């Protein structure tokens, strides 16, 4: 992917802050300049107002362009997300974005494979591309508490989401990769995936074996979001590239998994 442009910080306002499942929440913010140009796969850096030394990066989970809002989904697990969970309606939030390169909409049959923290940008894909491609969403997590945005994605697609959980608490028992393999073996198609590195490595191998295209949204701790700190570099066939600038979306064939440390 080409290097994405550096964005400016902006002040957003909290429009809605809702519980999802378990410790997961949805934060909708008024940020019309970001909403106007955001694409699935891009992310924003969110200020924690001093609770952490660095800002927190989150994939954009959706946009409402007429209302000028963007949404992120997150899990309350540490100081940064605990601070963000305190933001109330009307609160000012510093945002940087949209950062990085997003997905290009593929043609034909498309599988959206999301694992845990990788589900939100795939909800954005479903909402943004509904009706323009034949899409099946496959979401997986450790348990049902972390299977977020399932109902919202099903409404956007007009069809159920295939679900899988490690503990069998919802959907099939097993991983999102198991569910994706079954779908690809039945009807091949392009894959768009986001989730933990181990999952994405498995998806890349699976798609290479079946000769189907795949694009991956890599998860990394993007401290600055502007490509300055070099803390999110990954090995590619072109050399070391920054997840926050050349990514986070990469063609699966371009990642050098043999040298990947994630």
Protein backbone atom coordinates (compact mmCIF):
# COMPACT_ATOMS: atom_id res chain seq x y z
CA UNK A 1 0.00 0.00 0.00
CA UNK A 2 1.20 3.57 -0.59
CA UNK A 3 2.04 5.71 2.41
CA UNK A 4 -1.14 7.22 3.84
CA UNK A 5 -1.33 10.97 4.53
CA UNK A 6 -0.65 12.34 7.99
CA UNK A 7 -3.85 13.65 9.59
CA UNK A 8 -4.39 16.48 12.05
CA UNK A 9 -5.77 16.25 15.56
CA UNK A 10 -9.38 17.30 15.98
CA UNK A 11 -11.79 17.72 18.88
CA UNK A 12 -14.76 15.37 18.76
CA UNK A 13 -17.82 15.26 21.02
CA UNK A 14 -19.31 12.12 22.49
CA UNK A 15 -22.69 11.49 20.91
CA UNK A 16 -23.41 8.09 22.43
CA UNK A 17 -21.65 5.63 24.74
CA UNK A 18 -23.29 2.22 24.94
CA UNK A 19 -22.65 -1.20 26.42
CA UNK A 20 -22.22 -4.05 23.97
CA UNK A 21 -21.44 -7.45 25.50
CA UNK A 22 -19.42 -8.20 28.60
CA UNK A 23 -16.80 -5.49 29.10
CA UNK A 24 -17.14 -4.23 25.52
CA UNK A 25 -18.51 -0.80 24.67
CA UNK A 26 -19.39 1.31 21.66
CA UNK A 27 -18.31 4.96 21.60
CA UNK A 28 -19.93 7.18 18.96
CA UNK A 29 -18.38 10.62 18.47
CA UNK A 30 -19.24 13.69 16.44
CA UNK A 31 -16.27 14.08 14.09
CA UNK A 32 -17.63 15.20 10.70
CA UNK A 33 -14.24 15.73 9.04
CA UNK A 34 -13.25 12.16 9.86
CA UNK A 35 -16.66 10.68 9.06
CA UNK A 36 -16.66 12.27 5.61
CA UNK A 37 -13.52 10.48 4.38
CA UNK A 38 -13.11 7.39 6.61
CA UNK A 39 -12.88 3.97 4.95
CA UNK A 40 -13.16 0.48 6.43
CA UNK A 41 -9.81 -0.63 7.85
CA UNK A 42 -8.66 2.83 8.91
CA UNK A 43 -8.24 3.77 12.56
CA UNK A 44 -8.19 6.73 14.92
CA UNK A 45 -5.89 7.62 17.80
CA UNK A 46 -7.92 8.49 20.90
CA UNK A 47 -6.63 10.61 23.76
CA UNK A 48 -6.96 9.15 27.25
CA UNK A 49 -6.59 12.61 28.79
CA UNK A 50 -3.38 11.71 30.56
CA UNK A 51 -4.40 8.32 31.93
CA UNK A 52 -1.71 6.74 29.76
CA UNK A 53 1.51 8.16 28.37
CA UNK A 54 0.47 7.37 24.79
CA UNK A 55 -2.81 7.62 22.93
CA UNK A 56 -4.88 4.53 22.13
CA UNK A 57 -5.46 3.37 18.53
CA UNK A 58 -8.87 1.91 17.60
CA UNK A 59 -10.21 0.67 14.29
CA UNK A 60 -13.22 2.62 13.08
CA UNK A 61 -16.28 0.42 13.58
CA UNK A 62 -18.67 2.54 11.52
CA UNK A 63 -19.64 5.99 10.34
CA UNK A 64 -22.87 7.94 10.01
CA UNK A 65 -22.01 10.52 7.39
CA UNK A 66 -25.31 12.47 7.51
CA UNK A 67 -24.87 12.85 11.29
CA UNK A 68 -21.11 13.37 11.02
CA UNK A 69 -20.29 10.66 13.55
CA UNK A 70 -17.82 7.80 13.79
CA UNK A 71 -17.89 4.83 16.16
CA UNK A 72 -15.27 2.68 17.82
CA UNK A 73 -15.77 -0.53 19.79
CA UNK A 74 -13.42 -1.38 22.62
CA UNK A 75 -13.01 -3.62 25.66
CA UNK A 76 -12.32 -2.15 29.10
CA UNK A 77 -9.14 -3.94 30.13
CA UNK A 78 -6.59 -1.37 31.37
CA UNK A 79 -5.96 2.22 32.43
CA UNK A 80 -6.46 3.69 28.97
CA UNK A 81 -9.76 2.00 28.18
CA UNK A 82 -10.96 2.53 31.76
CA UNK A 83 -10.40 6.27 31.25
CA UNK A 84 -12.19 6.23 27.91
CA UNK A 85 -15.11 4.41 29.52
CA UNK A 86 -15.68 7.51 31.68
CA UNK A 87 -16.40 9.75 28.69
CA UNK A 88 -20.00 10.93 28.85
CA UNK A 89 -22.29 12.39 26.22
CA UNK A 90 -21.07 15.82 25.20
CA UNK A 91 -17.53 15.28 26.48
CA UNK A 92 -14.68 16.57 24.31
CA UNK A 93 -12.31 13.92 22.96
CA UNK A 94 -9.08 14.54 21.04
CA UNK A 95 -8.85 12.35 17.92
CA UNK A 96 -6.26 11.83 15.20
CA UNK A 97 -7.58 10.31 12.00
CA UNK A 98 -8.58 8.69 9.87
CA UNK A 99 -5.14 7.05 9.91
CA UNK A 100 -3.65 4.44 7.62
CA UNK A 101 -4.87 2.79 4.45
CA UNK A 102 -8.26 1.10 4.32
CA UNK A 103 -9.71 -1.80 2.38
CA UNK A 104 -10.60 -1.53 -1.28
CA UNK A 105 -13.98 -3.07 -1.96
CA UNK A 106 -13.49 -6.40 -3.74
CA UNK A 107 -15.88 -7.82 -6.30
CA UNK A 108 -17.74 -11.11 -6.25
CA UNK A 109 -18.09 -13.27 -3.15
CA UNK A 110 -16.36 -11.88 -0.07
CA UNK A 111 -15.82 -13.39 3.38
CA UNK A 112 -15.39 -10.99 6.31
CA UNK A 113 -13.41 -12.89 8.95
CA UNK A 114 -13.04 -11.18 12.32
CA UNK A 115 -11.52 -12.48 15.49
CA UNK A 116 -12.21 -10.72 18.81
CA UNK A 117 -10.59 -7.29 18.61
CA UNK A 118 -10.69 -7.57 14.81
CA UNK A 119 -14.47 -7.58 14.51
CA UNK A 120 -15.21 -3.79 14.53
CA UNK A 121 -13.61 -2.85 11.16
CA UNK A 122 -15.45 -5.73 9.49
CA UNK A 123 -18.74 -4.37 10.75
CA UNK A 124 -17.72 -1.15 8.99
CA UNK A 125 -17.09 -3.15 5.78
CA UNK A 126 -20.51 -4.76 6.01
CA UNK A 127 -22.32 -1.48 6.59
CA UNK A 128 -20.34 0.41 3.92
CA UNK A 129 -20.55 -2.22 1.17
CA UNK A 130 -23.97 -3.76 1.83
CA UNK A 131 -25.62 -4.56 -1.49
CA UNK A 132 -22.45 -3.95 -3.50
CA UNK A 133 -20.90 -7.39 -2.94
CA UNK A 134 -22.03 -10.86 -1.88
CA UNK A 135 -20.69 -10.91 1.66
CA UNK A 136 -20.66 -13.47 4.45
CA UNK A 137 -19.42 -12.40 7.88
CA UNK A 138 -17.64 -14.92 10.09
CA UNK A 139 -16.90 -13.72 13.62
CA UNK A 140 -15.07 -15.60 16.34
CA UNK A 141 -13.99 -14.97 19.92
CA UNK A 142 -13.00 -16.78 23.10
CA UNK A 143 -16.58 -16.61 24.38
CA UNK A 144 -19.92 -15.08 23.53
CA UNK A 145 -19.09 -12.02 25.69
CA UNK A 146 -16.53 -10.88 23.12
CA UNK A 147 -18.65 -11.56 20.03
CA UNK A 148 -19.55 -7.92 19.45
CA UNK A 149 -21.58 -6.24 16.68
CA UNK A 150 -23.02 -9.56 15.51
CA UNK A 151 -26.63 -8.40 15.35
CA UNK A 152 -25.67 -5.05 13.80
CA UNK A 153 -23.60 -6.76 11.10
CA UNK A 154 -26.41 -9.24 10.35
CA UNK A 155 -28.83 -6.34 9.86
CA UNK A 156 -26.41 -4.58 7.51
CA UNK A 157 -25.91 -7.72 5.41
CA UNK A 158 -29.48 -8.95 5.58
CA UNK A 159 -28.24 -12.42 6.57
CA UNK A 160 -27.00 -14.15 9.73
CA UNK A 161 -23.38 -13.91 10.82
CA UNK A 162 -21.51 -17.20 11.12
CA UNK A 163 -20.15 -17.33 14.67
CA UNK A 164 -17.59 -19.44 16.50
CA UNK A 165 -16.32 -19.43 20.07
CA UNK A 166 -13.42 -21.23 21.66
CA UNK A 167 -15.60 -22.37 24.57
CA UNK A 168 -18.70 -23.20 22.49
CA UNK A 169 -20.84 -20.59 24.25
CA UNK A 170 -22.16 -19.27 20.91
CA UNK A 171 -22.11 -20.62 17.37
CA UNK A 172 -19.83 -23.50 16.49
CA UNK A 173 -17.19 -24.59 18.98
CA UNK A 174 -13.80 -23.73 17.54
CA UNK A 175 -11.95 -20.84 15.97
CA UNK A 176 -12.95 -18.34 13.33
CA UNK A 177 -10.32 -19.98 11.11
CA UNK A 178 -12.12 -23.33 11.35
CA UNK A 179 -15.38 -21.67 10.34
CA UNK A 180 -13.72 -19.75 7.49
CA UNK A 181 -12.07 -22.90 6.12
CA UNK A 182 -15.44 -24.65 5.99
CA UNK A 183 -17.00 -21.73 4.11
CA UNK A 184 -14.12 -21.48 1.61
CA UNK A 185 -14.18 -25.20 0.94
CA UNK A 186 -17.90 -24.99 0.17
CA UNK A 187 -17.78 -21.82 -1.98
CA UNK A 188 -14.43 -20.06 -2.67
CA UNK A 189 -14.20 -16.29 -2.41
CA UNK A 190 -11.97 -13.38 -1.45
CA UNK A 191 -11.20 -12.89 2.23
CA UNK A 192 -10.98 -9.71 4.28
CA UNK A 193 -9.74 -10.40 7.77
CA UNK A 194 -8.78 -8.66 10.99
CA UNK A 195 -7.76 -10.10 14.33
CA UNK A 196 -4.78 -11.29 16.36
CA UNK A 197 -1.54 -11.98 14.49
CA UNK A 198 -1.77 -15.76 14.96
CA UNK A 199 -5.21 -15.75 13.37
CA UNK A 200 -4.08 -13.62 10.44
CA UNK A 201 -1.09 -15.87 9.83
CA UNK A 202 -3.46 -18.86 9.66
CA UNK A 203 -5.81 -17.01 7.32
CA UNK A 204 -2.94 -16.08 5.00
CA UNK A 205 -1.77 -19.71 4.82
CA UNK A 206 -5.30 -20.98 4.32
CA UNK A 207 -5.96 -18.58 1.45
CA UNK A 208 -2.60 -19.30 -0.20
CA UNK A 209 -3.35 -23.03 -0.13
CA UNK A 210 -6.72 -22.42 -1.78
CA UNK A 211 -5.42 -19.78 -4.21
CA UNK A 212 -7.95 -17.17 -3.09
CA UNK A 213 -7.04 -13.50 -2.50
CA UNK A 214 -6.90 -12.13 1.02
CA UNK A 215 -6.41 -8.71 2.57
CA UNK A 216 -5.48 -8.41 6.21
CA UNK A 217 -5.93 -5.55 8.65
CA UNK A 218 -3.01 -5.98 11.03
CA UNK A 219 -3.30 -5.28 14.72
CA UNK A 220 -0.33 -3.45 16.26
CA UNK A 221 0.27 -0.90 18.99
CA UNK A 222 0.49 2.24 16.88
CA UNK A 223 1.76 4.69 19.46
CA UNK A 224 1.95 7.82 17.32
CA UNK A 225 -0.30 6.98 14.35
CA UNK A 226 1.88 9.15 12.13
CA UNK A 227 4.76 6.84 11.22
CA UNK A 228 7.32 8.67 13.35
CA UNK A 229 8.03 6.30 16.23
CA UNK A 230 8.58 3.21 14.03
CA UNK A 231 7.08 1.07 16.77
CA UNK A 232 4.66 -0.81 14.51
CA UNK A 233 6.89 -1.98 11.65
CA UNK A 234 6.33 -5.41 10.08
CA UNK A 235 8.39 -7.36 7.52
CA UNK A 236 7.01 -7.34 3.99
CA UNK A 237 8.30 -8.35 0.58
CA UNK A 238 9.23 -4.67 0.09
CA UNK A 239 11.12 -4.42 3.39
CA UNK A 240 10.00 -3.15 6.79
CA UNK A 241 6.76 -1.17 6.59
CA UNK A 242 4.72 0.72 9.17
CA UNK A 243 1.31 -0.62 10.08
CA UNK A 244 0.10 2.94 10.77
CA UNK A 245 1.15 4.41 7.41
CA UNK A 246 1.62 1.73 4.75
CA UNK A 247 -1.01 -0.41 6.53
CA UNK A 248 -2.88 -1.42 8.50
CA UNK A 249 -4.33 -3.19 5.45
CA UNK A 250 -1.94 -5.45 3.55
CA UNK A 251 -2.27 -8.03 0.80
CA UNK A 252 -1.71 -11.33 2.64
CA UNK A 253 0.93 -12.32 0.09
CA UNK A 254 3.05 -9.29 0.99
CA UNK A 255 3.66 -10.16 4.64
CA UNK A 256 6.84 -12.13 5.33
CA UNK A 257 5.43 -14.45 7.96
CA UNK A 258 8.76 -16.25 8.29
CA UNK A 259 10.23 -13.05 9.75
CA UNK A 260 7.12 -11.82 11.53
CA UNK A 261 7.41 -11.43 15.27
CA UNK A 262 3.76 -10.75 16.09
